[in-house]
Amino acid sequence: MASHEEAAMSDTSYSHTRFQEYTYRLPTPPRIIIPPPTLAAEIPDVEIERVIQPEDDHIDVSFLNNVDFSGIVQRNALLEWSYERRRQAQMILPFLYLGPMVAAKDKTFLAKEGITMLLAVRPGHTGMVGAFKAAQEAGVETDIIEVPNHQALIAAFPRAVRKINEHLSSVHHRVQSRPEGPQMGKVLVFCESGNERSAAVVAAYLMEMLDDIDYIKAMQLCQAQRFCVNFDDALKHLLQSYWDILIAKRSVAESNHSVRHSISSSRNLSTGSVCNVNRQPARQKRTLDVSYEDDMDIDDSMDASDEARFLGREFAPFQDKLSS
């Protein structure tokens, strides 16, 4: 006789039996595993072919393609990591740093590294006054990204990328007129700990700006440089969602570029060719009978969306009972 649990899950337990154990937890998305930094003495360089110009941004960042990205991943970073380094900021890119608020208040560090802007990621309108005061005394620009919770981060990512690029572009243009100033802008992105929200902002910047850097590689790069970063499941899925948005935006931009190219090519056609095209007979609309016959011809095969959904499943939750 079927148990109460099995009968509750299936009203026809006489014809089949469960093949897997029941679980009663809430459905959750699959976990995203980020391979940790290796203990090997030689860590391969992160290959960054070029900096991507955001399609919906009018800020020219082409000058960043002249930056030398070779050797940006620290050698033996894991072996040399110590607890005290949590209170310091680390270089993620030659012009982008990640760290805690304690590092943002260190005027000696700001001067030594040539930091030109502090970008604070904070939950509300107040806080981090000490970092802003230190930046003012050191002559460093400041800006703020306010994110009351993790869910607000995905809307803040594009604003953060724009603020960073605006500052880097501004410093680059100033260098053209004043060569004695900083040769390149450097931005320190920080939050209270430097391990969560600010790390997510830096990872989002890497994904949006660097070629061939997806959300997995972005988190790996942040962790390789700052070993104490904490990308929990919520942040991982948030960055994965933002990566999907970036892929969709790039696909739309590529499609729009192809359409503009096609329109430009068609305008170069001669007037006679255009007239010949216009004289082609219009296609007749399908009659109601033809449409009905086409619908009847559709086979009963599995829908493509259902086929993709069940692809790769190697087990069945229930199994037919063998007839006696």
Protein backbone atom coordinates (compact mmCIF):
# COMPACT_ATOMS: atom_id res chain seq x y z
CA MET A 1 0.00 0.00 0.00
CA ALA A 2 1.30 3.46 -0.93
CA SER A 3 2.39 5.68 1.93
CA HIS A 4 0.60 8.93 2.77
CA GLU A 5 3.45 10.99 1.31
CA GLU A 6 3.48 9.05 -1.94
CA ALA A 7 -0.30 9.16 -2.26
CA ALA A 8 -0.24 12.91 -1.73
CA MET A 9 2.28 13.34 -4.53
CA SER A 10 0.43 11.09 -6.97
CA ASP A 11 -3.18 9.97 -7.20
CA THR A 12 -2.33 7.05 -9.49
CA SER A 13 0.35 5.32 -7.44
CA TYR A 14 -1.02 1.93 -8.51
CA SER A 15 0.48 2.40 -11.99
CA HIS A 16 3.88 3.87 -11.12
CA THR A 17 6.20 4.30 -8.17
CA ARG A 18 8.60 7.06 -7.20
CA PHE A 19 12.14 6.63 -8.45
CA GLN A 20 13.81 9.47 -6.51
CA GLU A 21 13.66 10.69 -2.92
CA TYR A 22 11.26 13.56 -2.22
CA THR A 23 12.65 16.90 -1.07
CA TYR A 24 10.51 19.47 0.70
CA ARG A 25 12.70 22.58 0.48
CA LEU A 26 11.72 25.58 -1.61
CA PRO A 27 12.86 25.47 -5.26
CA THR A 28 16.17 27.28 -5.67
CA PRO A 29 18.30 28.04 -8.73
CA PRO A 30 21.43 25.94 -9.22
CA ARG A 31 24.50 27.18 -7.40
CA ILE A 32 27.17 29.07 -9.32
CA ILE A 33 30.61 27.67 -8.53
CA ILE A 34 33.55 30.08 -8.85
CA PRO A 35 36.88 28.21 -9.03
CA PRO A 36 39.13 29.69 -6.31
CA PRO A 37 42.63 31.03 -6.97
CA THR A 38 45.21 28.28 -7.33
CA LEU A 39 48.22 27.70 -5.12
CA ALA A 40 50.41 27.21 -8.19
CA ALA A 41 53.45 29.43 -8.40
CA GLU A 42 52.60 30.51 -11.94
CA ILE A 43 49.17 32.00 -12.52
CA PRO A 44 48.34 32.54 -16.20
CA ASP A 45 47.80 36.11 -17.32
CA VAL A 46 44.27 37.31 -17.92
CA GLU A 47 44.12 38.02 -21.62
CA ILE A 48 42.30 41.28 -22.30
CA GLU A 49 42.30 41.96 -26.01
CA ARG A 50 40.54 45.32 -25.97
CA VAL A 51 38.27 47.67 -24.05
CA ILE A 52 34.66 47.70 -25.25
CA GLN A 53 33.06 51.06 -25.99
CA PRO A 54 29.55 51.02 -24.45
CA GLU A 55 26.99 51.44 -27.22
CA ASP A 56 24.66 53.70 -25.23
CA ASP A 57 27.42 55.90 -23.82
CA HIS A 58 28.86 58.97 -25.53
CA ILE A 59 32.05 58.94 -23.44
CA ASP A 60 35.08 58.06 -25.54
CA VAL A 61 37.16 55.47 -23.68
CA SER A 62 39.24 54.34 -26.64
CA PHE A 63 42.35 55.66 -24.87
CA LEU A 64 42.04 52.75 -22.41
CA ASN A 65 43.13 50.41 -25.20
CA ASN A 66 46.63 51.83 -24.73
CA VAL A 67 46.78 50.55 -21.15
CA ASP A 68 49.15 47.64 -20.56
CA PHE A 69 47.10 44.80 -19.03
CA SER A 70 49.92 42.26 -19.00
CA GLY A 71 50.77 40.85 -15.60
CA ILE A 72 47.81 42.40 -13.80
CA VAL A 73 47.14 39.20 -11.85
CA GLN A 74 49.48 39.10 -8.85
CA ARG A 75 51.82 36.14 -8.60
CA ASN A 76 51.45 33.96 -5.47
CA ALA A 77 48.65 36.23 -4.24
CA LEU A 78 47.08 33.41 -2.24
CA LEU A 79 50.35 32.35 -0.63
CA GLU A 80 51.20 35.93 0.32
CA TRP A 81 47.72 36.86 1.53
CA SER A 82 47.41 37.85 5.17
CA TYR A 83 44.53 38.95 7.33
CA GLU A 84 45.83 42.52 7.50
CA ARG A 85 45.39 42.93 3.75
CA ARG A 86 41.62 42.96 4.26
CA ARG A 87 42.08 46.52 5.53
CA GLN A 88 44.03 47.53 2.41
CA ALA A 89 42.90 48.18 -1.15
CA GLN A 90 44.09 46.09 -4.07
CA MET A 91 44.58 46.96 -7.74
CA ILE A 92 42.15 45.12 -10.00
CA LEU A 93 43.11 47.00 -13.16
CA PRO A 94 45.85 49.61 -13.60
CA PHE A 95 43.17 52.31 -13.23
CA LEU A 96 40.70 50.53 -10.92
CA TYR A 97 41.16 49.63 -7.25
CA LEU A 98 38.93 47.80 -4.77
CA GLY A 99 39.05 48.09 -1.00
CA PRO A 100 37.33 48.93 2.29
CA MET A 101 36.47 52.31 3.77
CA VAL A 102 39.58 52.12 5.97
CA ALA A 103 41.79 52.24 2.87
CA ALA A 104 39.77 55.14 1.44
CA LYS A 105 40.59 57.19 4.56
CA ASP A 106 44.33 56.49 4.25
CA LYS A 107 45.75 59.69 2.73
CA THR A 108 49.22 58.15 2.49
CA PHE A 109 47.86 55.29 0.38
CA LEU A 110 45.87 57.66 -1.84
CA ALA A 111 48.96 59.75 -2.55
CA LYS A 112 51.26 56.75 -3.07
CA GLU A 113 48.99 55.01 -5.58
CA GLY A 114 47.94 58.22 -7.31
CA ILE A 115 44.22 57.73 -6.67
CA THR A 116 42.25 60.52 -8.38
CA MET A 117 38.68 59.57 -7.38
CA LEU A 118 36.89 57.70 -4.63
CA LEU A 119 33.63 56.00 -5.60
CA ALA A 120 31.66 55.07 -2.49
CA VAL A 121 29.02 52.34 -2.59
CA ARG A 122 26.85 52.96 0.45
CA PRO A 123 23.32 51.98 1.54
CA GLY A 124 21.93 55.44 2.34
CA HIS A 125 22.33 59.20 2.14
CA THR A 126 24.70 59.37 5.09
CA GLY A 127 27.88 57.62 6.17
CA MET A 128 31.51 57.34 5.14
CA VAL A 129 32.15 60.95 6.12
CA GLY A 130 35.72 60.17 7.15
CA ALA A 131 36.60 58.93 3.66
CA PHE A 132 35.15 62.04 2.03
CA LYS A 133 37.04 64.30 4.43
CA ALA A 134 40.33 62.50 3.70
CA ALA A 135 39.69 62.79 -0.04
CA GLN A 136 39.01 66.50 0.26
CA GLU A 137 42.23 67.05 2.17
CA ALA A 138 44.17 65.00 -0.40
CA GLY A 139 42.60 66.78 -3.36
CA VAL A 140 40.85 63.64 -4.59
CA GLU A 141 37.45 63.72 -6.28
CA THR A 142 34.55 61.79 -4.77
CA ASP A 143 31.32 60.30 -6.04
CA ILE A 144 28.58 58.10 -4.58
CA ILE A 145 26.48 55.13 -5.65
CA GLU A 146 23.60 54.53 -3.23
CA VAL A 147 22.26 50.97 -3.07
CA PRO A 148 19.86 50.28 -0.17
CA ASN A 149 19.92 46.52 -0.87
CA HIS A 150 21.44 43.91 -3.19
CA GLN A 151 18.48 44.10 -5.58
CA ALA A 152 19.21 47.78 -6.25
CA LEU A 153 22.71 46.94 -7.45
CA ILE A 154 21.66 45.78 -10.91
CA ALA A 155 20.18 49.21 -11.64
CA ALA A 156 23.25 50.91 -10.15
CA PHE A 157 25.79 49.03 -12.29
CA PRO A 158 25.36 51.20 -15.43
CA ARG A 159 25.56 54.40 -13.34
CA ALA A 160 28.76 53.21 -11.69
CA VAL A 161 30.35 52.31 -15.03
CA ARG A 162 29.41 55.73 -16.42
CA LYS A 163 30.82 57.58 -13.40
CA ILE A 164 34.12 55.71 -13.62
CA ASN A 165 34.44 56.31 -17.35
CA GLU A 166 33.51 59.98 -17.03
CA HIS A 167 36.29 60.51 -14.51
CA LEU A 168 38.89 58.57 -16.50
CA SER A 169 37.97 60.51 -19.64
CA SER A 170 38.11 63.82 -17.77
CA VAL A 171 41.61 63.09 -16.43
CA HIS A 172 42.73 61.95 -19.87
CA HIS A 173 41.63 65.24 -21.45
CA ARG A 174 43.28 67.26 -18.68
CA VAL A 175 46.55 65.45 -19.34
CA GLN A 176 46.48 66.71 -22.92
CA SER A 177 46.52 70.31 -21.70
CA ARG A 178 48.51 69.84 -18.47
CA PRO A 179 51.18 67.14 -18.91
CA GLU A 180 52.50 67.84 -15.41
CA GLY A 181 49.37 66.38 -13.80
CA PRO A 182 48.41 62.71 -13.27
CA GLN A 183 49.10 60.70 -16.39
CA MET A 184 46.05 58.47 -15.88
CA GLY A 185 43.00 58.56 -13.67
CA LYS A 186 42.73 55.94 -10.92
CA VAL A 187 39.45 55.12 -9.21
CA LEU A 188 39.10 53.40 -5.84
CA VAL A 189 35.71 51.71 -5.47
CA PHE A 190 34.94 51.00 -1.83
CA CYS A 191 32.20 50.09 0.61
CA GLU A 192 32.26 49.41 4.35
CA SER A 193 34.16 46.11 4.01
CA GLY A 194 35.29 46.22 0.38
CA ASN A 195 34.15 42.62 0.00
CA GLU A 196 30.53 42.65 -1.18
CA ARG A 197 28.72 45.54 -2.90
CA SER A 198 31.82 47.39 -4.06
CA ALA A 199 33.26 44.08 -5.30
CA ALA A 200 30.07 43.49 -7.29
CA VAL A 201 30.35 46.97 -8.84
CA VAL A 202 33.95 46.28 -9.89
CA ALA A 203 32.98 42.89 -11.34
CA ALA A 204 30.16 44.55 -13.30
CA TYR A 205 32.64 47.09 -14.68
CA LEU A 206 34.95 44.30 -15.85
CA MET A 207 32.06 42.51 -17.55
CA GLU A 208 30.82 45.58 -19.37
CA MET A 209 34.14 47.11 -20.41
CA LEU A 210 36.55 44.25 -21.11
CA ASP A 211 36.44 41.87 -24.03
CA ASP A 212 35.90 38.17 -23.27
CA ILE A 213 35.28 38.72 -19.53
CA ASP A 214 32.00 37.13 -18.42
CA TYR A 215 30.55 37.09 -14.89
CA ILE A 216 32.60 34.03 -13.88
CA LYS A 217 35.91 35.50 -15.05
CA ALA A 218 35.05 38.89 -13.52
CA MET A 219 34.51 37.35 -10.09
CA GLN A 220 37.65 35.22 -10.48
CA LEU A 221 39.70 38.30 -11.32
CA CYS A 222 38.40 40.19 -8.28
CA GLN A 223 39.05 37.21 -6.01
CA ALA A 224 42.55 36.65 -7.39
CA GLN A 225 43.49 40.23 -6.52
CA ARG A 226 41.49 40.59 -3.30
CA PHE A 227 41.15 37.13 -1.81
CA CYS A 228 38.69 38.16 0.91
CA VAL A 229 35.87 39.24 -1.43
CA ASN A 230 32.56 37.56 -0.65
CA PHE A 231 30.32 36.82 -3.62
CA ASP A 232 27.39 35.02 -2.01
CA ASP A 233 24.72 33.23 -4.04
CA ALA A 234 22.57 36.37 -4.30
CA LEU A 235 25.43 38.44 -5.75
CA LYS A 236 26.46 35.63 -8.10
CA HIS A 237 22.98 35.35 -9.59
CA LEU A 238 22.74 39.14 -9.73
CA LEU A 239 25.93 39.36 -11.77
CA GLN A 240 24.75 36.48 -13.96
CA SER A 241 21.53 38.40 -14.67
CA TYR A 242 23.49 41.53 -15.50
CA TRP A 243 25.69 39.51 -17.85
CA ASP A 244 22.54 38.29 -19.64
CA ILE A 245 21.44 41.93 -19.98
CA LEU A 246 24.83 42.89 -21.46
CA ILE A 247 24.66 40.01 -23.95
CA ALA A 248 21.17 41.10 -25.01
CA LYS A 249 22.25 44.75 -25.38
CA ARG A 250 25.25 43.78 -27.49
CA SER A 251 23.08 41.53 -29.65
CA VAL A 252 20.59 44.35 -30.24
CA ALA A 253 23.41 46.80 -31.01
CA GLU A 254 24.93 44.36 -33.49
CA SER A 255 21.53 43.84 -35.13
CA ASN A 256 20.95 47.59 -35.37
CA HIS A 257 24.37 48.03 -36.92
CA SER A 258 23.55 45.38 -39.54
CA VAL A 259 20.23 47.08 -40.31
CA ARG A 260 21.90 50.48 -40.72
CA HIS A 261 24.49 48.90 -43.00
CA SER A 262 21.77 47.28 -45.11
CA ILE A 263 19.85 50.56 -45.41
CA SER A 264 23.02 52.38 -46.40
CA SER A 265 23.76 49.76 -49.05
CA SER A 266 20.22 49.89 -50.45
CA ARG A 267 20.44 53.66 -50.84
CA ASN A 268 23.41 53.17 -53.16
CA LEU A 269 21.31 51.20 -55.63
CA SER A 270 20.43 52.86 -58.90
CA THR A 271 16.97 54.36 -59.40
CA GLY A 272 16.22 51.81 -62.13
CA SER A 273 16.93 48.89 -59.80
CA VAL A 274 14.66 50.37 -57.15
CA CYS A 275 11.89 50.79 -59.70
CA ASN A 276 12.26 47.17 -60.80
CA VAL A 277 11.91 46.07 -57.20
CA ASN A 278 8.79 48.17 -56.78
CA ARG A 279 7.21 46.61 -59.88
CA GLN A 280 7.37 43.11 -58.40
CA PRO A 281 3.89 41.69 -57.77
CA ALA A 282 2.79 41.72 -54.18
CA ARG A 283 2.34 38.40 -52.42
CA GLN A 284 -1.24 37.29 -52.08
CA LYS A 285 -2.59 36.76 -48.62
CA ARG A 286 -3.36 33.20 -47.61
CA THR A 287 -7.00 32.24 -47.73
CA LEU A 288 -8.79 30.93 -44.66
CA ASP A 289 -8.91 27.40 -46.11
CA VAL A 290 -5.17 27.33 -46.77
CA SER A 291 -4.45 28.55 -43.23
CA TYR A 292 -6.69 25.86 -41.77
CA GLU A 293 -4.97 23.15 -43.82
CA ASP A 294 -1.54 24.37 -42.69
CA ASP A 295 -2.65 24.19 -39.05
CA MET A 296 -3.92 20.64 -39.53
CA ASP A 297 -0.58 19.58 -40.99
CA ILE A 298 1.30 20.41 -37.80
CA ASP A 299 2.53 17.18 -36.24
CA ASP A 300 2.29 16.26 -32.58
CA SER A 301 6.02 16.36 -31.96
CA MET A 302 7.46 17.96 -28.82
CA ASP A 303 7.68 21.72 -28.81
CA ALA A 304 11.23 23.10 -29.19
CA SER A 305 10.94 24.93 -25.86
CA ASP A 306 9.88 21.73 -24.07
CA GLU A 307 12.67 19.80 -25.76
CA ALA A 308 15.26 22.30 -24.50
CA ARG A 309 13.73 22.20 -21.04
CA PHE A 310 14.02 18.42 -20.70
CA LEU A 311 17.38 18.15 -22.50
CA GLY A 312 20.12 16.67 -20.34
CA ARG A 313 17.87 15.12 -17.69
CA GLU A 314 19.20 11.67 -16.90
CA PHE A 315 16.60 10.56 -14.38
CA ALA A 316 12.84 10.34 -14.10
CA PRO A 317 10.99 11.21 -10.87
CA PHE A 318 8.60 8.25 -11.36
CA GLN A 319 8.92 4.86 -12.96
CA ASP A 320 6.22 2.57 -14.34
CA LYS A 321 5.49 -0.45 -12.20
CA LEU A 322 6.27 -3.77 -13.82
CA SER A 323 3.21 -5.77 -14.63
CA SER A 324 2.95 -9.04 -12.69
